[in-house]
Amino acid sequence: MIGLGRLVMAGTVQCAAQRVPQRVPQRVRQRVSKRWLRRGLTLMGCVAWSSAIIACGDGRQPATDAAADSATTIAASSRIRSDSTQSYATCDTTSFTAFWQGFRAAVQSKEITAVRALVSDTFAVRGTLDSDAWVRVGENEFARQWSALLAQDPGLRIEPETLRDYVARADILPAQAVDPSQTTARIADLVFQCADGRWRLSRAYASE
């Protein structure tokens, strides 16, 4: 951009010098040259402004905004990783409430690795019937199975709603989400268990 401006400036001054005959008095020549110089500065400003508009039209984000978004993403990912390793003094409603907020953040981030860090290694799913058997979900199958769970309707509203949408709006724990043993909790189709002060998603009910 600076190089283009200098090129325009040099061309303008040279053009001004060529347009003023040599026989014209020096004072008049200087006055005419200054007028052409002002035109050159105006043209250089127009070129810079047009380039800025083109950059915006291309959808390129200013460097400062891009850096801010990057910092926000890194901070969110760090917070999720911190929640995944969090161990509480006891297994109770208070500790599950704290865990649930971290779990919701992981789900809303749409980062499968962040969610997987909050899931038990023995995670299993089954149908809604009591006669359905629990089926353990392997590491290679987790992403597909988790996507299907988030897309299903937990059936907690009259109007259709996905499990992902429910988790996003459930910032307050449902009544009696944590059972009397204080080591198991259920929210919608998700079952959580706590051991040694650490909560994990352990099971889920699949509608299909």
C-alpha atoms as a PDB file:
ATOM      1  CA  MET A   1       0.000   0.000   0.000  1.00  0.00           C
ATOM      2  CA  ILE A   2       2.771   2.474   0.881  1.00  0.00           C
ATOM      3  CA  GLY A   3       4.680   1.573  -2.283  1.00  0.00           C
ATOM      4  CA  LEU A   4       1.578   2.213  -4.421  1.00  0.00           C
ATOM      5  CA  GLY A   5       1.036   5.571  -2.714  1.00  0.00           C
ATOM      6  CA  ARG A   6       4.615   6.611  -3.395  1.00  0.00           C
ATOM      7  CA  LEU A   7       4.278   5.576  -7.036  1.00  0.00           C
ATOM      8  CA  VAL A   8       1.129   7.667  -7.444  1.00  0.00           C
ATOM      9  CA  MET A   9       2.839  10.608  -5.723  1.00  0.00           C
ATOM     10  CA  ALA A  10       5.914  10.437  -7.963  1.00  0.00           C
ATOM     11  CA  GLY A  11       3.801  10.194 -11.094  1.00  0.00           C
ATOM     12  CA  THR A  12       1.682  13.157 -10.069  1.00  0.00           C
ATOM     13  CA  VAL A  13       4.677  15.409  -9.348  1.00  0.00           C
ATOM     14  CA  GLN A  14       6.321  14.397 -12.621  1.00  0.00           C
ATOM     15  CA  CYS A  15       3.098  15.094 -14.515  1.00  0.00           C
ATOM     16  CA  ALA A  16       2.852  18.527 -12.894  1.00  0.00           C
ATOM     17  CA  ALA A  17       6.394  19.364 -13.903  1.00  0.00           C
ATOM     18  CA  GLN A  18       5.737  18.330 -17.509  1.00  0.00           C
ATOM     19  CA  ARG A  19       2.495  20.282 -17.787  1.00  0.00           C
ATOM     20  CA  VAL A  20       4.099  23.647 -16.742  1.00  0.00           C
ATOM     21  CA  PRO A  21       6.110  25.199 -19.590  1.00  0.00           C
ATOM     22  CA  GLN A  22       9.656  26.182 -18.810  1.00  0.00           C
ATOM     23  CA  ARG A  23       9.020  29.814 -19.804  1.00  0.00           C
ATOM     24  CA  VAL A  24       6.439  30.301 -17.039  1.00  0.00           C
ATOM     25  CA  PRO A  25       7.867  32.231 -14.045  1.00  0.00           C
ATOM     26  CA  GLN A  26       9.189  30.157 -11.155  1.00  0.00           C
ATOM     27  CA  ARG A  27       6.501  31.378  -8.690  1.00  0.00           C
ATOM     28  CA  VAL A  28       3.690  30.312 -11.030  1.00  0.00           C
ATOM     29  CA  ARG A  29       5.375  26.978 -11.639  1.00  0.00           C
ATOM     30  CA  GLN A  30       5.540  26.290  -7.886  1.00  0.00           C
ATOM     31  CA  ARG A  31       1.879  27.214  -7.442  1.00  0.00           C
ATOM     32  CA  VAL A  32       0.768  24.875 -10.227  1.00  0.00           C
ATOM     33  CA  SER A  33       2.986  22.070  -8.923  1.00  0.00           C
ATOM     34  CA  LYS A  34       1.459  22.407  -5.451  1.00  0.00           C
ATOM     35  CA  ARG A  35      -2.040  22.133  -6.911  1.00  0.00           C
ATOM     36  CA  TRP A  36      -1.101  18.920  -8.705  1.00  0.00           C
ATOM     37  CA  LEU A  37       0.569  17.635  -5.550  1.00  0.00           C
ATOM     38  CA  ARG A  38      -2.704  18.078  -3.639  1.00  0.00           C
ATOM     39  CA  ARG A  39      -4.467  16.125  -6.372  1.00  0.00           C
ATOM     40  CA  GLY A  40      -1.897  13.372  -6.002  1.00  0.00           C
ATOM     41  CA  LEU A  41      -2.474  13.176  -2.233  1.00  0.00           C
ATOM     42  CA  THR A  42      -6.221  12.989  -2.792  1.00  0.00           C
ATOM     43  CA  LEU A  43      -5.792  10.197  -5.337  1.00  0.00           C
ATOM     44  CA  MET A  44      -3.495   8.287  -2.974  1.00  0.00           C
ATOM     45  CA  GLY A  45      -6.145   8.523  -0.250  1.00  0.00           C
ATOM     46  CA  CYS A  46      -8.805   7.194  -2.620  1.00  0.00           C
ATOM     47  CA  VAL A  47      -6.592   4.234  -3.550  1.00  0.00           C
ATOM     48  CA  ALA A  48      -6.016   3.400   0.123  1.00  0.00           C
ATOM     49  CA  TRP A  49      -9.746   3.690   0.913  1.00  0.00           C
ATOM     50  CA  SER A  50     -10.705   1.490  -2.063  1.00  0.00           C
ATOM     51  CA  SER A  51      -8.213  -1.178  -0.970  1.00  0.00           C
ATOM     52  CA  ALA A  52      -9.700  -1.169   2.533  1.00  0.00           C
ATOM     53  CA  ILE A  53     -13.215  -1.621   1.113  1.00  0.00           C
ATOM     54  CA  ILE A  54     -12.043  -4.497  -1.098  1.00  0.00           C
ATOM     55  CA  ALA A  55     -10.403  -6.193   1.897  1.00  0.00           C
ATOM     56  CA  CYS A  56     -13.654  -5.934   3.854  1.00  0.00           C
ATOM     57  CA  GLY A  57     -15.634  -7.202   0.873  1.00  0.00           C
ATOM     58  CA  ASP A  58     -13.390 -10.249   0.695  1.00  0.00           C
ATOM     59  CA  GLY A  59     -14.425 -11.096   4.237  1.00  0.00           C
ATOM     60  CA  ARG A  60     -10.948 -10.725   5.660  1.00  0.00           C
ATOM     61  CA  GLN A  61     -11.039  -9.998   9.379  1.00  0.00           C
ATOM     62  CA  PRO A  62      -8.877  -7.256  10.902  1.00  0.00           C
ATOM     63  CA  ALA A  63      -5.808  -8.653  12.622  1.00  0.00           C
ATOM     64  CA  THR A  64      -6.851  -7.284  16.020  1.00  0.00           C
ATOM     65  CA  ASP A  65     -10.297  -8.946  15.867  1.00  0.00           C
ATOM     66  CA  ALA A  66      -8.815 -12.244  14.669  1.00  0.00           C
ATOM     67  CA  ALA A  67      -6.336 -12.207  17.556  1.00  0.00           C
ATOM     68  CA  ALA A  68      -9.128 -11.492  20.039  1.00  0.00           C
ATOM     69  CA  ASP A  69     -11.249 -14.378  18.695  1.00  0.00           C
ATOM     70  CA  SER A  70      -8.250 -16.697  18.866  1.00  0.00           C
ATOM     71  CA  ALA A  71      -7.579 -15.706  22.485  1.00  0.00           C
ATOM     72  CA  THR A  72     -11.247 -16.316  23.387  1.00  0.00           C
ATOM     73  CA  THR A  73     -11.184 -19.773  21.794  1.00  0.00           C
ATOM     74  CA  ILE A  74      -7.977 -20.727  23.607  1.00  0.00           C
ATOM     75  CA  ALA A  75      -9.384 -19.516  26.930  1.00  0.00           C
ATOM     76  CA  ALA A  76     -12.584 -21.519  26.442  1.00  0.00           C
ATOM     77  CA  SER A  77     -10.664 -24.671  25.520  1.00  0.00           C
ATOM     78  CA  SER A  78      -8.413 -24.254  28.570  1.00  0.00           C
ATOM     79  CA  ARG A  79     -11.436 -23.898  30.834  1.00  0.00           C
ATOM     80  CA  ILE A  80     -13.003 -27.052  29.411  1.00  0.00           C
ATOM     81  CA  ARG A  81      -9.772 -29.014  29.892  1.00  0.00           C
ATOM     82  CA  SER A  82      -9.627 -27.763  33.482  1.00  0.00           C
ATOM     83  CA  ASP A  83     -13.190 -28.954  34.099  1.00  0.00           C
ATOM     84  CA  SER A  84     -12.395 -32.385  32.665  1.00  0.00           C
ATOM     85  CA  THR A  85      -9.647 -32.977  35.232  1.00  0.00           C
ATOM     86  CA  GLN A  86     -11.536 -31.426  38.141  1.00  0.00           C
ATOM     87  CA  SER A  87     -11.824 -33.624  41.225  1.00  0.00           C
ATOM     88  CA  TYR A  88     -14.128 -32.589  44.060  1.00  0.00           C
ATOM     89  CA  ALA A  89     -13.919 -33.343  47.754  1.00  0.00           C
ATOM     90  CA  THR A  90     -17.192 -35.264  47.770  1.00  0.00           C
ATOM     91  CA  CYS A  91     -19.782 -36.655  45.406  1.00  0.00           C
ATOM     92  CA  ASP A  92     -22.922 -34.579  45.965  1.00  0.00           C
ATOM     93  CA  THR A  93     -25.319 -32.137  44.338  1.00  0.00           C
ATOM     94  CA  THR A  94     -22.929 -29.230  44.762  1.00  0.00           C
ATOM     95  CA  SER A  95     -20.056 -30.949  42.982  1.00  0.00           C
ATOM     96  CA  PHE A  96     -22.341 -32.209  40.221  1.00  0.00           C
ATOM     97  CA  THR A  97     -23.699 -28.705  39.659  1.00  0.00           C
ATOM     98  CA  ALA A  98     -20.149 -27.473  39.054  1.00  0.00           C
ATOM     99  CA  PHE A  99     -19.410 -30.423  36.775  1.00  0.00           C
ATOM    100  CA  TRP A 100     -22.615 -29.895  34.797  1.00  0.00           C
ATOM    101  CA  GLN A 101     -21.628 -26.353  33.847  1.00  0.00           C
ATOM    102  CA  GLY A 102     -18.319 -27.607  32.479  1.00  0.00           C
ATOM    103  CA  PHE A 103     -20.106 -30.415  30.628  1.00  0.00           C
ATOM    104  CA  ARG A 104     -22.541 -27.961  29.040  1.00  0.00           C
ATOM    105  CA  ALA A 105     -19.638 -25.777  27.915  1.00  0.00           C
ATOM    106  CA  ALA A 106     -17.963 -28.785  26.286  1.00  0.00           C
ATOM    107  CA  VAL A 107     -21.168 -29.755  24.454  1.00  0.00           C
ATOM    108  CA  GLN A 108     -21.735 -26.212  23.206  1.00  0.00           C
ATOM    109  CA  SER A 109     -18.130 -25.919  22.035  1.00  0.00           C
ATOM    110  CA  LYS A 110     -18.823 -28.803  19.624  1.00  0.00           C
ATOM    111  CA  GLU A 111     -15.330 -30.146  20.314  1.00  0.00           C
ATOM    112  CA  ILE A 112     -15.653 -33.915  20.457  1.00  0.00           C
ATOM    113  CA  THR A 113     -12.359 -34.267  22.338  1.00  0.00           C
ATOM    114  CA  ALA A 114     -13.582 -31.890  25.059  1.00  0.00           C
ATOM    115  CA  VAL A 115     -16.739 -33.975  25.528  1.00  0.00           C
ATOM    116  CA  ARG A 116     -14.836 -37.265  25.428  1.00  0.00           C
ATOM    117  CA  ALA A 117     -12.658 -36.094  28.314  1.00  0.00           C
ATOM    118  CA  LEU A 118     -15.800 -35.935  30.489  1.00  0.00           C
ATOM    119  CA  VAL A 119     -17.043 -39.396  29.525  1.00  0.00           C
ATOM    120  CA  SER A 120     -16.287 -42.648  31.317  1.00  0.00           C
ATOM    121  CA  ASP A 121     -14.047 -45.179  29.605  1.00  0.00           C
ATOM    122  CA  THR A 122     -16.866 -47.718  30.060  1.00  0.00           C
ATOM    123  CA  PHE A 123     -19.527 -45.497  28.458  1.00  0.00           C
ATOM    124  CA  ALA A 124     -22.479 -47.544  27.202  1.00  0.00           C
ATOM    125  CA  VAL A 125     -25.862 -46.971  25.570  1.00  0.00           C
ATOM    126  CA  ARG A 126     -29.101 -48.876  25.326  1.00  0.00           C
ATOM    127  CA  GLY A 127     -32.659 -48.444  24.068  1.00  0.00           C
ATOM    128  CA  THR A 128     -35.514 -47.050  26.132  1.00  0.00           C
ATOM    129  CA  LEU A 129     -36.955 -50.464  27.037  1.00  0.00           C
ATOM    130  CA  ASP A 130     -35.881 -52.223  30.228  1.00  0.00           C
ATOM    131  CA  SER A 131     -35.290 -55.356  28.203  1.00  0.00           C
ATOM    132  CA  ASP A 132     -32.697 -53.614  26.018  1.00  0.00           C
ATOM    133  CA  ALA A 133     -29.119 -54.555  26.773  1.00  0.00           C
ATOM    134  CA  TRP A 134     -26.364 -52.062  27.502  1.00  0.00           C
ATOM    135  CA  VAL A 135     -23.841 -51.848  24.676  1.00  0.00           C
ATOM    136  CA  ARG A 136     -20.406 -50.413  25.354  1.00  0.00           C
ATOM    137  CA  VAL A 137     -19.321 -47.670  22.938  1.00  0.00           C
ATOM    138  CA  GLY A 138     -15.763 -48.054  21.684  1.00  0.00           C
ATOM    139  CA  GLU A 139     -13.365 -45.172  21.090  1.00  0.00           C
ATOM    140  CA  ASN A 140     -13.790 -45.358  17.322  1.00  0.00           C
ATOM    141  CA  GLU A 141     -17.575 -45.355  17.596  1.00  0.00           C
ATOM    142  CA  PHE A 142     -17.969 -42.567  20.118  1.00  0.00           C
ATOM    143  CA  ALA A 143     -18.120 -39.603  17.711  1.00  0.00           C
ATOM    144  CA  ARG A 144     -20.891 -41.180  15.629  1.00  0.00           C
ATOM    145  CA  GLN A 145     -22.860 -42.356  18.646  1.00  0.00           C
ATOM    146  CA  TRP A 146     -22.551 -38.982  20.415  1.00  0.00           C
ATOM    147  CA  SER A 147     -23.747 -37.123  17.329  1.00  0.00           C
ATOM    148  CA  ALA A 148     -26.810 -39.383  17.148  1.00  0.00           C
ATOM    149  CA  LEU A 149     -27.584 -38.829  20.843  1.00  0.00           C
ATOM    150  CA  LEU A 150     -27.430 -35.047  20.519  1.00  0.00           C
ATOM    151  CA  ALA A 151     -29.792 -35.151  17.533  1.00  0.00           C
ATOM    152  CA  GLN A 152     -32.513 -37.185  19.265  1.00  0.00           C
ATOM    153  CA  ASP A 153     -35.499 -35.688  21.077  1.00  0.00           C
ATOM    154  CA  PRO A 154     -35.447 -36.323  24.859  1.00  0.00           C
ATOM    155  CA  GLY A 155     -39.229 -35.857  24.927  1.00  0.00           C
ATOM    156  CA  LEU A 156     -39.303 -33.262  27.710  1.00  0.00           C
ATOM    157  CA  ARG A 157     -41.318 -30.683  25.756  1.00  0.00           C
ATOM    158  CA  ILE A 158     -44.475 -30.758  23.689  1.00  0.00           C
ATOM    159  CA  GLU A 159     -42.683 -29.198  20.736  1.00  0.00           C
ATOM    160  CA  PRO A 160     -39.723 -31.020  19.160  1.00  0.00           C
ATOM    161  CA  GLU A 161     -36.332 -30.370  20.716  1.00  0.00           C
ATOM    162  CA  THR A 162     -32.933 -31.988  20.299  1.00  0.00           C
ATOM    163  CA  LEU A 163     -30.824 -33.132  23.218  1.00  0.00           C
ATOM    164  CA  ARG A 164     -28.200 -30.569  22.200  1.00  0.00           C
ATOM    165  CA  ASP A 165     -30.754 -27.751  22.518  1.00  0.00           C
ATOM    166  CA  TYR A 166     -31.916 -29.086  25.870  1.00  0.00           C
ATOM    167  CA  VAL A 167     -28.396 -29.150  27.275  1.00  0.00           C
ATOM    168  CA  ALA A 168     -27.834 -25.593  26.043  1.00  0.00           C
ATOM    169  CA  ARG A 169     -30.854 -24.239  27.938  1.00  0.00           C
ATOM    170  CA  ALA A 170     -30.532 -26.384  31.063  1.00  0.00           C
ATOM    171  CA  ASP A 171     -28.324 -23.996  33.016  1.00  0.00           C
ATOM    172  CA  ILE A 172     -30.181 -24.944  36.214  1.00  0.00           C
ATOM    173  CA  LEU A 173     -30.301 -28.577  37.319  1.00  0.00           C
ATOM    174  CA  PRO A 174     -33.712 -30.239  37.137  1.00  0.00           C
ATOM    175  CA  ALA A 175     -35.277 -31.116  40.475  1.00  0.00           C
ATOM    176  CA  GLN A 176     -33.970 -34.396  41.897  1.00  0.00           C
ATOM    177  CA  ALA A 177     -31.374 -34.736  39.151  1.00  0.00           C
ATOM    178  CA  VAL A 178     -28.974 -36.270  41.674  1.00  0.00           C
ATOM    179  CA  ASP A 179     -30.278 -39.404  43.362  1.00  0.00           C
ATOM    180  CA  PRO A 180     -30.233 -39.877  47.169  1.00  0.00           C
ATOM    181  CA  SER A 181     -26.979 -41.835  46.983  1.00  0.00           C
ATOM    182  CA  GLN A 182     -25.294 -38.641  45.714  1.00  0.00           C
ATOM    183  CA  THR A 183     -23.187 -40.721  43.340  1.00  0.00           C
ATOM    184  CA  THR A 184     -25.539 -40.933  40.360  1.00  0.00           C
ATOM    185  CA  ALA A 185     -27.368 -38.245  38.419  1.00  0.00           C
ATOM    186  CA  ARG A 186     -29.655 -38.278  35.404  1.00  0.00           C
ATOM    187  CA  ILE A 187     -30.506 -35.395  33.095  1.00  0.00           C
ATOM    188  CA  ALA A 188     -32.740 -36.176  30.126  1.00  0.00           C
ATOM    189  CA  ASP A 189     -31.229 -39.231  28.405  1.00  0.00           C
ATOM    190  CA  LEU A 190     -27.836 -38.885  30.083  1.00  0.00           C
ATOM    191  CA  VAL A 191     -26.665 -40.740  33.194  1.00  0.00           C
ATOM    192  CA  PHE A 192     -23.668 -39.575  35.226  1.00  0.00           C
ATOM    193  CA  GLN A 193     -21.747 -41.347  37.956  1.00  0.00           C
ATOM    194  CA  CYS A 194     -19.261 -40.074  40.515  1.00  0.00           C
ATOM    195  CA  ALA A 195     -16.273 -41.935  41.942  1.00  0.00           C
ATOM    196  CA  ASP A 196     -13.529 -40.455  44.103  1.00  0.00           C
ATOM    197  CA  GLY A 197     -15.021 -36.993  43.696  1.00  0.00           C
ATOM    198  CA  ARG A 198     -14.935 -37.123  39.887  1.00  0.00           C
ATOM    199  CA  TRP A 199     -18.136 -37.044  37.824  1.00  0.00           C
ATOM    200  CA  ARG A 200     -18.326 -38.658  34.389  1.00  0.00           C
ATOM    201  CA  LEU A 201     -21.000 -39.390  31.797  1.00  0.00           C
ATOM    202  CA  SER A 202     -21.375 -43.149  32.128  1.00  0.00           C
ATOM    203  CA  ARG A 203     -24.501 -44.154  30.199  1.00  0.00           C
ATOM    204  CA  ALA A 204     -27.115 -42.840  27.796  1.00  0.00           C
ATOM    205  CA  TYR A 205     -30.488 -43.915  26.464  1.00  0.00           C
ATOM    206  CA  ALA A 206     -30.742 -43.984  22.680  1.00  0.00           C
ATOM    207  CA  SER A 207     -34.113 -43.541  21.033  1.00  0.00           C
ATOM    208  CA  GLU A 208     -33.038 -45.496  17.972  1.00  0.00           C
END
